Protein backbone atom coordinates (compact mmCIF):
# COMPACT_ATOMS: atom_id res chain seq x y z
CA MET A 1 160.63 172.69 107.04
CA LEU A 2 156.96 171.92 106.70
CA ALA A 3 154.80 170.26 109.32
CA MET A 4 151.17 169.14 109.38
CA ASP A 5 148.88 169.42 112.36
CA ALA A 6 146.10 167.00 113.27
CA ALA A 7 143.71 168.77 110.91
CA ASP A 8 146.21 168.55 108.00
CA GLN A 9 146.96 172.28 108.16
CA VAL A 10 150.44 173.04 106.83
CA ILE A 11 152.76 174.89 109.21
CA ALA A 12 155.94 176.43 107.76
CA VAL A 13 158.84 176.37 110.24
CA GLN A 14 162.24 177.94 109.79
CA CYS A 15 165.01 177.31 112.31
CA LYS A 16 167.90 179.73 112.77
CA HIS A 17 171.04 179.02 114.77
CA THR A 18 172.79 182.14 116.00
CA THR A 19 176.11 182.68 117.70
CA ARG A 20 176.14 184.18 121.17
CA GLY A 21 174.85 187.75 121.19
CA ARG A 22 173.51 187.69 117.63
CA LYS A 23 169.86 188.29 116.81
CA VAL A 24 167.61 187.14 113.99
CA GLY A 25 166.50 190.13 111.92
CA SER A 26 163.49 191.00 109.80
CA GLY A 27 165.00 189.57 106.60
CA VAL A 28 164.28 186.04 107.76
CA LEU A 29 160.68 186.98 108.43
CA TYR A 30 160.34 188.52 104.96
CA GLN A 31 161.52 185.23 103.46
CA ILE A 32 159.08 182.99 105.31
CA ASN A 33 156.24 185.45 104.79
CA GLY A 34 156.89 185.38 101.04
CA THR A 35 156.79 181.60 100.79
CA ALA A 36 154.70 180.13 103.63
CA ALA A 37 151.21 180.84 102.31
CA PRO A 38 151.83 181.65 98.62
CA VAL A 39 154.12 178.71 97.86
CA TYR A 40 153.33 176.07 100.49
CA GLU A 41 149.74 177.04 101.36
CA ALA A 42 150.71 177.12 105.04
CA GLY A 43 148.15 178.30 107.56
CA ALA A 44 150.88 179.36 109.99
CA ALA A 45 154.53 180.40 109.91
CA ILE A 46 156.95 179.93 112.81
CA ILE A 47 160.59 180.91 113.21
CA VAL A 48 162.64 179.21 115.91
CA THR A 49 166.05 180.40 117.11
CA ASN A 50 168.47 179.52 119.86
CA GLY A 51 169.07 183.27 120.24
CA SER A 52 166.71 186.21 120.10
CA PHE A 53 165.01 188.49 117.58
CA THR A 54 165.62 192.15 116.79
CA ARG A 55 162.96 194.62 117.89
CA ASP A 56 162.04 195.22 114.24
CA ALA A 57 161.64 191.47 113.65
CA VAL A 58 159.33 191.13 116.66
CA THR A 59 157.22 194.08 115.52
CA TRP A 60 157.06 192.92 111.89
CA GLY A 61 156.28 189.34 112.93
CA ALA A 62 153.39 190.46 115.11
CA LEU A 63 152.02 192.62 112.30
CA HIS A 64 152.09 189.71 109.81
CA GLY A 65 151.11 186.85 112.13
CA ILE A 66 154.49 185.11 112.14
CA ARG A 67 155.06 183.25 115.40
CA LEU A 68 158.52 183.60 116.96
CA ILE A 69 160.19 181.15 119.34
CA ASP A 70 163.35 182.50 120.94
CA ARG A 71 165.81 181.00 123.43
CA GLU A 72 163.57 181.76 126.42
CA ALA A 73 160.49 180.22 124.78
CA LEU A 74 162.56 177.14 123.87
CA ALA A 75 163.66 176.79 127.49
CA ARG A 76 160.06 177.10 128.76
CA TRP A 77 158.86 174.65 126.13
CA SER A 78 161.52 172.16 127.17
CA ALA A 79 160.99 172.59 130.92
CA GLU A 80 157.20 172.64 130.87
CA ALA A 81 156.67 170.22 127.98
CA ASP A 82 153.93 172.43 126.56
CA HIS A 83 152.40 171.66 123.22
CA LEU A 84 153.60 173.82 120.33
CA TYR A 85 150.16 175.40 120.13
CA GLN A 86 150.62 176.77 123.64
CA VAL A 87 154.14 178.02 122.98
CA VAL A 88 153.19 180.08 119.92
CA GLU A 89 149.56 180.75 120.86
CA LEU A 90 147.99 179.02 117.89
CA ARG A 91 144.50 177.59 118.01
CA PRO A 92 144.66 173.79 117.94
CA PRO A 93 142.72 172.06 115.17
CA LEU A 94 139.16 171.03 115.97
């Protein structure tokens, strides 16, 4: 899915539903990293899951600037009604 922020920056978002106990691995991050900027000219890439991420996925995502939203971050976002920029620590558009 593609989104636009207030400054018309493209944000690539991929959502992954997992079954209980399953984790999203690095392969998903490779996919979004290979398409977000080169294909869609996105300034940011975010992966959202109702589960969690493998340790390798978290490490690889941090190295390549891919923001990850796991079950805990979704719960905080819902409870605190934070803006997406706060949840994934992106700079809001000026």
